[in-house]
């Protein structure tokens, strides 16, 4: 009986070790491949890994006439979203939902048309935009 228990514990430990090593490897790969910065005359983009399976990119486009801030959140498990702030006034004007969670919404939400129906989604996007601007402030 004790032998069977030890065998099961050893099996669980091996599986846990394999899963932990896989997660650690993916975490390292994501941090190596998802941490970069791109700067051009009118465009500046910074991407940072958030974990093993997620990253956030903050973009700023400013040609002197138009200023657009964008946040792209890649989530392997969950919704991947692109949020645009036209005019850089701190409120998200469009939310592009790329990979909806089960039962979620898909497509593009425009503040001018969809705010009343999706108020919570826009309020959450505004918070994400503010937090991302603060997180990436040192780059801009």
N, C-alpha and C. Protein backbone atom coordinates (compact mmCIF):
# COMPACT_ATOMS: atom_id res chain seq x y z
N UNK A 1 0.83 -1.19 0.00
CA UNK A 1 0.00 0.00 0.00
C UNK A 1 0.87 1.26 0.00
N UNK A 2 1.88 1.29 0.87
CA UNK A 2 2.78 2.43 0.95
C UNK A 2 3.57 2.61 -0.35
N UNK A 3 3.90 1.47 -1.01
CA UNK A 3 4.61 1.54 -2.28
C UNK A 3 3.76 2.22 -3.35
N UNK A 4 2.47 1.91 -3.38
CA UNK A 4 1.56 2.50 -4.37
C UNK A 4 1.44 4.01 -4.16
N UNK A 5 1.37 4.42 -2.91
CA UNK A 5 1.27 5.84 -2.60
C UNK A 5 2.54 6.57 -3.03
N UNK A 6 3.69 5.98 -2.73
CA UNK A 6 4.96 6.59 -3.14
C UNK A 6 5.06 6.68 -4.66
N UNK A 7 4.57 5.65 -5.35
CA UNK A 7 4.60 5.63 -6.81
C UNK A 7 3.71 6.75 -7.38
N UNK A 8 2.54 6.93 -6.79
CA UNK A 8 1.62 7.99 -7.24
C UNK A 8 2.22 9.37 -6.97
N UNK A 9 2.82 9.54 -5.81
CA UNK A 9 3.45 10.83 -5.47
C UNK A 9 4.59 11.12 -6.44
N UNK A 10 5.38 10.10 -6.75
CA UNK A 10 6.49 10.27 -7.69
C UNK A 10 5.95 10.67 -9.07
N UNK A 11 4.87 10.02 -9.52
CA UNK A 11 4.25 10.34 -10.81
C UNK A 11 3.74 11.77 -10.85
N UNK A 12 3.09 12.19 -9.77
CA UNK A 12 2.58 13.56 -9.68
C UNK A 12 3.75 14.55 -9.69
N UNK A 13 4.81 14.23 -8.97
CA UNK A 13 5.99 15.10 -8.92
C UNK A 13 6.64 15.23 -10.30
N UNK A 14 6.71 14.13 -11.03
CA UNK A 14 7.30 14.17 -12.38
C UNK A 14 6.45 15.02 -13.31
N UNK A 15 5.14 14.81 -13.29
CA UNK A 15 4.23 15.60 -14.13
C UNK A 15 4.31 17.08 -13.75
N UNK A 16 4.31 17.36 -12.45
CA UNK A 16 4.43 18.75 -11.99
C UNK A 16 5.75 19.37 -12.43
N UNK A 17 6.82 18.60 -12.36
CA UNK A 17 8.12 19.10 -12.79
C UNK A 17 8.15 19.40 -14.28
N UNK A 18 7.55 18.52 -15.07
CA UNK A 18 7.50 18.74 -16.53
C UNK A 18 6.68 19.98 -16.85
N UNK A 19 5.51 20.11 -16.22
CA UNK A 19 4.66 21.29 -16.46
C UNK A 19 5.36 22.57 -15.99
N UNK A 20 6.01 22.52 -14.84
CA UNK A 20 6.73 23.68 -14.32
C UNK A 20 7.88 24.08 -15.24
N UNK A 21 8.61 23.10 -15.73
CA UNK A 21 9.73 23.38 -16.64
C UNK A 21 9.21 23.97 -17.96
N UNK A 22 8.10 23.43 -18.46
CA UNK A 22 7.51 23.95 -19.70
C UNK A 22 7.07 25.39 -19.51
N UNK A 23 6.39 25.67 -18.40
CA UNK A 23 5.96 27.04 -18.12
C UNK A 23 7.17 27.97 -18.00
N UNK A 24 8.19 27.55 -17.28
CA UNK A 24 9.40 28.36 -17.11
C UNK A 24 10.09 28.64 -18.43
N UNK A 25 10.16 27.63 -19.29
CA UNK A 25 10.77 27.80 -20.61
C UNK A 25 9.96 28.79 -21.44
N UNK A 26 8.63 28.65 -21.45
CA UNK A 26 7.78 29.57 -22.21
C UNK A 26 7.88 30.98 -21.65
N UNK A 27 7.95 31.11 -20.34
CA UNK A 27 8.10 32.41 -19.70
C UNK A 27 9.39 33.09 -20.18
N UNK A 28 10.48 32.33 -20.20
CA UNK A 28 11.76 32.87 -20.65
C UNK A 28 11.74 33.24 -22.12
N UNK A 29 11.17 32.38 -22.95
CA UNK A 29 11.08 32.66 -24.39
C UNK A 29 10.25 33.91 -24.63
N UNK A 30 9.12 34.03 -23.95
CA UNK A 30 8.25 35.19 -24.13
C UNK A 30 8.98 36.47 -23.72
N UNK A 31 9.74 36.43 -22.64
CA UNK A 31 10.47 37.62 -22.20
C UNK A 31 11.63 37.96 -23.15
N UNK A 32 12.17 36.97 -23.81
CA UNK A 32 13.23 37.24 -24.79
C UNK A 32 12.67 37.80 -26.10
N UNK A 33 11.53 37.29 -26.52
CA UNK A 33 10.99 37.67 -27.84
C UNK A 33 9.98 38.81 -27.79
N UNK A 34 9.42 39.11 -26.64
CA UNK A 34 8.35 40.12 -26.56
C UNK A 34 8.78 41.41 -25.88
N UNK A 35 10.06 41.63 -25.70
CA UNK A 35 10.53 42.87 -25.09
C UNK A 35 11.35 43.64 -26.13
N UNK A 36 10.69 44.59 -26.79
CA UNK A 36 11.41 45.37 -27.79
C UNK A 36 10.78 46.75 -27.95
N UNK A 37 11.52 47.61 -28.60
CA UNK A 37 11.09 48.99 -28.82
C UNK A 37 11.38 49.35 -30.27
N UNK A 38 10.45 50.07 -30.90
CA UNK A 38 10.62 50.54 -32.27
C UNK A 38 10.35 52.04 -32.29
N UNK A 39 11.27 52.81 -32.87
CA UNK A 39 11.10 54.26 -32.93
C UNK A 39 11.30 54.70 -34.37
N UNK A 40 10.37 55.48 -34.85
CA UNK A 40 10.42 56.07 -36.19
C UNK A 40 10.11 57.56 -36.04
N UNK A 41 10.11 58.28 -37.11
CA UNK A 41 9.86 59.73 -37.07
C UNK A 41 8.51 60.06 -36.41
N UNK A 42 7.46 59.40 -36.85
CA UNK A 42 6.11 59.69 -36.35
C UNK A 42 5.54 58.60 -35.45
N UNK A 43 6.26 57.52 -35.27
CA UNK A 43 5.71 56.34 -34.61
C UNK A 43 6.70 55.80 -33.57
N UNK A 44 6.17 55.43 -32.41
CA UNK A 44 6.98 54.86 -31.34
C UNK A 44 6.18 53.71 -30.74
N UNK A 45 6.80 52.55 -30.63
CA UNK A 45 6.12 51.37 -30.12
C UNK A 45 7.02 50.65 -29.12
N UNK A 46 6.45 50.25 -28.00
CA UNK A 46 7.18 49.49 -26.99
C UNK A 46 6.34 48.28 -26.61
N UNK A 47 6.98 47.11 -26.61
CA UNK A 47 6.30 45.86 -26.26
C UNK A 47 7.00 45.23 -25.07
N UNK A 48 6.23 44.77 -24.11
CA UNK A 48 6.77 44.10 -22.93
C UNK A 48 5.95 42.85 -22.63
N UNK A 49 6.63 41.80 -22.25
CA UNK A 49 5.96 40.56 -21.85
C UNK A 49 5.30 40.77 -20.49
N UNK A 50 4.13 40.18 -20.33
CA UNK A 50 3.40 40.26 -19.07
C UNK A 50 3.47 38.95 -18.29
N UNK A 51 3.82 37.89 -18.96
CA UNK A 51 3.89 36.57 -18.34
C UNK A 51 4.32 35.58 -19.39
N UNK A 52 4.04 34.31 -19.14
CA UNK A 52 4.45 33.28 -20.09
C UNK A 52 3.63 33.31 -21.37
N UNK A 53 2.38 33.72 -21.27
CA UNK A 53 1.48 33.62 -22.42
C UNK A 53 0.79 34.95 -22.73
N UNK A 54 1.41 36.07 -22.40
CA UNK A 54 0.76 37.36 -22.65
C UNK A 54 1.80 38.46 -22.80
N UNK A 55 1.41 39.51 -23.52
CA UNK A 55 2.27 40.68 -23.67
C UNK A 55 1.40 41.90 -23.93
N UNK A 56 1.99 43.07 -23.72
CA UNK A 56 1.30 44.33 -23.95
C UNK A 56 2.20 45.22 -24.81
N UNK A 57 1.58 45.86 -25.80
CA UNK A 57 2.31 46.82 -26.65
C UNK A 57 1.62 48.17 -26.55
N UNK A 58 2.42 49.22 -26.37
CA UNK A 58 1.89 50.58 -26.36
C UNK A 58 2.47 51.31 -27.56
N UNK A 59 1.60 51.87 -28.39
CA UNK A 59 2.00 52.58 -29.60
C UNK A 59 1.58 54.04 -29.49
N UNK A 60 2.42 54.91 -30.02
CA UNK A 60 2.06 56.32 -30.11
C UNK A 60 2.41 56.80 -31.52
N UNK A 61 1.39 57.31 -32.20
CA UNK A 61 1.57 57.88 -33.53
C UNK A 61 1.30 59.38 -33.41
N UNK A 62 2.25 60.19 -33.84
CA UNK A 62 2.09 61.65 -33.76
C UNK A 62 2.83 62.28 -34.94
N UNK A 63 2.06 62.76 -35.92
CA UNK A 63 2.68 63.39 -37.08
C UNK A 63 2.56 64.92 -37.04
N UNK A 64 2.17 65.44 -35.88
CA UNK A 64 1.99 66.88 -35.75
C UNK A 64 0.53 67.30 -35.91
N UNK A 65 -0.22 66.59 -36.75
CA UNK A 65 -1.64 66.87 -36.96
C UNK A 65 -2.53 65.90 -36.21
N UNK A 66 -2.13 64.65 -36.20
CA UNK A 66 -2.92 63.60 -35.55
C UNK A 66 -2.07 62.93 -34.48
N UNK A 67 -2.71 62.64 -33.36
CA UNK A 67 -2.02 61.92 -32.29
C UNK A 67 -2.92 60.76 -31.88
N UNK A 68 -2.36 59.56 -31.96
CA UNK A 68 -3.13 58.36 -31.62
C UNK A 68 -2.30 57.51 -30.67
N UNK A 69 -2.90 57.11 -29.56
CA UNK A 69 -2.29 56.15 -28.65
C UNK A 69 -3.02 54.83 -28.81
N UNK A 70 -2.28 53.75 -28.81
CA UNK A 70 -2.89 52.44 -28.95
C UNK A 70 -2.30 51.46 -27.96
N UNK A 71 -3.13 50.59 -27.45
CA UNK A 71 -2.70 49.52 -26.55
C UNK A 71 -3.14 48.21 -27.19
N UNK A 72 -2.18 47.30 -27.36
CA UNK A 72 -2.48 45.97 -27.87
C UNK A 72 -2.15 44.98 -26.78
N UNK A 73 -3.16 44.28 -26.30
CA UNK A 73 -2.96 43.26 -25.27
C UNK A 73 -3.15 41.89 -25.88
N UNK A 74 -2.04 41.13 -25.97
CA UNK A 74 -2.12 39.76 -26.44
C UNK A 74 -2.31 38.85 -25.25
N UNK A 75 -3.34 38.04 -25.29
CA UNK A 75 -3.61 37.06 -24.24
C UNK A 75 -3.90 35.72 -24.91
N UNK A 76 -3.03 34.74 -24.70
CA UNK A 76 -3.27 33.43 -25.28
C UNK A 76 -4.54 32.82 -24.70
N UNK A 77 -4.74 32.99 -23.41
CA UNK A 77 -5.94 32.48 -22.74
C UNK A 77 -6.80 33.67 -22.35
N UNK A 78 -7.71 34.07 -23.21
CA UNK A 78 -8.56 35.23 -22.97
C UNK A 78 -8.66 36.09 -24.20
N UNK A 79 -9.24 37.25 -24.04
CA UNK A 79 -9.44 38.15 -25.16
C UNK A 79 -8.17 38.91 -25.50
N UNK A 80 -7.85 38.94 -26.77
CA UNK A 80 -6.78 39.78 -27.28
C UNK A 80 -7.44 41.04 -27.82
N UNK A 81 -7.00 42.21 -27.34
CA UNK A 81 -7.68 43.46 -27.69
C UNK A 81 -6.69 44.51 -28.17
N UNK A 82 -7.17 45.33 -29.08
CA UNK A 82 -6.47 46.53 -29.51
C UNK A 82 -7.37 47.69 -29.17
N UNK A 83 -6.86 48.63 -28.40
CA UNK A 83 -7.64 49.79 -27.96
C UNK A 83 -6.99 51.05 -28.49
N UNK A 84 -7.76 51.87 -29.21
CA UNK A 84 -7.24 53.10 -29.82
C UNK A 84 -7.82 54.33 -29.14
N UNK A 85 -6.96 55.29 -28.90
CA UNK A 85 -7.34 56.58 -28.32
C UNK A 85 -6.96 57.67 -29.33
N UNK A 86 -7.93 58.08 -30.15
CA UNK A 86 -7.67 59.11 -31.15
C UNK A 86 -7.67 60.47 -30.47
N UNK A 87 -6.62 61.23 -30.67
CA UNK A 87 -6.50 62.53 -30.04
C UNK A 87 -5.77 62.48 -28.71
N UNK A 88 -5.47 61.29 -28.23
CA UNK A 88 -4.72 61.10 -26.99
C UNK A 88 -5.32 61.88 -25.82
N UNK A 89 -6.65 61.76 -25.68
CA UNK A 89 -7.35 62.48 -24.61
C UNK A 89 -7.59 61.61 -23.37
N UNK A 90 -7.14 60.36 -23.42
CA UNK A 90 -7.28 59.50 -22.25
C UNK A 90 -8.49 58.60 -22.27
N UNK A 91 -9.33 58.71 -23.30
CA UNK A 91 -10.48 57.81 -23.38
C UNK A 91 -10.38 57.00 -24.68
N UNK A 92 -10.63 55.72 -24.56
CA UNK A 92 -10.53 54.81 -25.69
C UNK A 92 -11.70 55.06 -26.63
N UNK A 93 -11.39 55.28 -27.90
CA UNK A 93 -12.42 55.54 -28.89
C UNK A 93 -12.88 54.28 -29.62
N UNK A 94 -11.97 53.33 -29.79
CA UNK A 94 -12.31 52.07 -30.46
C UNK A 94 -11.66 50.90 -29.73
N UNK A 95 -12.41 49.82 -29.65
CA UNK A 95 -11.89 48.57 -29.10
C UNK A 95 -12.05 47.50 -30.17
N UNK A 96 -10.94 46.95 -30.61
CA UNK A 96 -10.96 45.84 -31.57
C UNK A 96 -10.76 44.57 -30.77
N UNK A 97 -11.73 43.69 -30.79
CA UNK A 97 -11.63 42.44 -30.05
C UNK A 97 -11.28 41.35 -31.05
N UNK A 98 -10.08 40.83 -30.92
CA UNK A 98 -9.53 39.90 -31.90
C UNK A 98 -9.92 38.47 -31.59
N UNK A 99 -9.77 38.03 -30.36
CA UNK A 99 -10.08 36.65 -29.96
C UNK A 99 -11.05 36.69 -28.79
N UNK A 100 -12.34 36.63 -29.04
CA UNK A 100 -13.28 36.70 -27.93
C UNK A 100 -13.23 35.45 -27.06
N UNK A 101 -13.41 35.66 -25.78
CA UNK A 101 -13.54 34.53 -24.88
C UNK A 101 -14.86 33.85 -25.20
N UNK A 102 -15.05 32.66 -24.72
CA UNK A 102 -16.31 31.97 -24.96
C UNK A 102 -17.46 32.81 -24.41
N UNK A 103 -18.43 33.08 -25.25
CA UNK A 103 -19.57 33.90 -24.86
C UNK A 103 -19.29 35.38 -24.93
N UNK A 104 -18.10 35.77 -25.36
CA UNK A 104 -17.73 37.19 -25.45
C UNK A 104 -18.20 37.80 -26.75
N UNK A 105 -17.81 39.04 -26.97
CA UNK A 105 -18.19 39.74 -28.18
C UNK A 105 -16.99 39.78 -29.12
N UNK A 106 -17.24 39.96 -30.40
CA UNK A 106 -16.17 40.02 -31.38
C UNK A 106 -16.45 41.19 -32.32
N UNK A 107 -15.37 41.80 -32.80
CA UNK A 107 -15.54 42.89 -33.75
C UNK A 107 -14.95 44.17 -33.22
N UNK A 108 -15.51 45.29 -33.67
CA UNK A 108 -15.02 46.61 -33.29
C UNK A 108 -16.14 47.36 -32.57
N UNK A 109 -15.79 47.88 -31.41
CA UNK A 109 -16.73 48.73 -30.67
C UNK A 109 -16.27 50.17 -30.82
N UNK A 110 -17.20 51.06 -31.18
CA UNK A 110 -16.89 52.48 -31.32
C UNK A 110 -17.59 53.24 -30.20
N UNK A 111 -16.84 54.07 -29.50
CA UNK A 111 -17.40 54.80 -28.37
C UNK A 111 -18.64 55.60 -28.76
N UNK A 112 -18.59 56.26 -29.90
CA UNK A 112 -19.70 57.11 -30.33
C UNK A 112 -20.99 56.33 -30.55
N UNK A 113 -20.89 55.06 -30.95
CA UNK A 113 -22.08 54.26 -31.22
C UNK A 113 -22.42 53.25 -30.13
N UNK A 114 -21.39 52.72 -29.47
CA UNK A 114 -21.59 51.56 -28.61
C UNK A 114 -21.39 51.80 -27.12
N UNK A 115 -21.11 53.03 -26.71
CA UNK A 115 -20.77 53.28 -25.31
C UNK A 115 -21.90 52.90 -24.35
N UNK A 116 -23.12 53.28 -24.69
CA UNK A 116 -24.24 52.99 -23.77
C UNK A 116 -24.42 51.49 -23.55
N UNK A 117 -24.30 50.73 -24.62
CA UNK A 117 -24.53 49.29 -24.52
C UNK A 117 -23.34 48.57 -23.88
N UNK A 118 -22.11 49.08 -24.12
CA UNK A 118 -20.91 48.42 -23.63
C UNK A 118 -20.12 49.34 -22.70
N UNK A 119 -20.82 50.06 -21.83
CA UNK A 119 -20.19 51.01 -20.93
C UNK A 119 -19.08 50.37 -20.10
N UNK A 120 -19.34 49.20 -19.54
CA UNK A 120 -18.35 48.52 -18.70
C UNK A 120 -17.08 48.20 -19.48
N UNK A 121 -17.25 47.78 -20.73
CA UNK A 121 -16.10 47.44 -21.57
C UNK A 121 -15.25 48.68 -21.86
N UNK A 122 -15.90 49.81 -22.15
CA UNK A 122 -15.16 51.05 -22.40
C UNK A 122 -14.50 51.60 -21.14
N UNK A 123 -15.20 51.51 -20.01
CA UNK A 123 -14.61 51.96 -18.75
C UNK A 123 -13.38 51.13 -18.39
N UNK A 124 -13.47 49.83 -18.62
CA UNK A 124 -12.33 48.94 -18.37
C UNK A 124 -11.18 49.29 -19.33
N UNK A 125 -11.49 49.54 -20.59
CA UNK A 125 -10.47 49.90 -21.58
C UNK A 125 -9.80 51.23 -21.21
N UNK A 126 -10.58 52.18 -20.70
CA UNK A 126 -10.01 53.46 -20.25
C UNK A 126 -9.02 53.25 -19.10
N UNK A 127 -9.37 52.36 -18.17
CA UNK A 127 -8.47 52.05 -17.05
C UNK A 127 -7.20 51.37 -17.56
N UNK A 128 -7.36 50.43 -18.49
CA UNK A 128 -6.19 49.74 -19.06
C UNK A 128 -5.29 50.74 -19.77
N UNK A 129 -5.88 51.66 -20.53
CA UNK A 129 -5.10 52.69 -21.23
C UNK A 129 -4.31 53.54 -20.24
N UNK A 130 -4.97 54.00 -19.18
CA UNK A 130 -4.29 54.83 -18.18
C UNK A 130 -3.16 54.07 -17.50
N UNK A 131 -3.42 52.81 -17.12
CA UNK A 131 -2.39 51.99 -16.47
C UNK A 131 -1.22 51.72 -17.43
N UNK A 132 -1.52 51.48 -18.69
CA UNK A 132 -0.47 51.21 -19.67
C UNK A 132 0.36 52.46 -19.94
N UNK A 133 -0.30 53.62 -20.04
CA UNK A 133 0.44 54.87 -20.22
C UNK A 133 1.40 55.10 -19.06
N UNK A 134 0.94 54.81 -17.86
CA UNK A 134 1.79 54.99 -16.67
C UNK A 134 2.94 53.96 -16.69
N UNK A 135 2.64 52.74 -17.04
CA UNK A 135 3.65 51.68 -17.08
C UNK A 135 4.75 51.99 -18.11
N UNK A 136 4.36 52.55 -19.26
CA UNK A 136 5.32 52.80 -20.34
C UNK A 136 5.78 54.25 -20.38
N UNK A 137 5.48 55.04 -19.39
CA UNK A 137 5.81 56.48 -19.40
C UNK A 137 7.30 56.74 -19.57
N UNK A 138 8.14 55.91 -19.06
CA UNK A 138 9.59 56.10 -19.17
C UNK A 138 10.13 56.00 -20.58
N UNK A 139 9.35 55.45 -21.50
CA UNK A 139 9.80 55.29 -22.88
C UNK A 139 9.38 56.44 -23.78
N UNK A 140 8.43 57.25 -23.34
CA UNK A 140 7.87 58.29 -24.21
C UNK A 140 8.17 59.68 -23.69
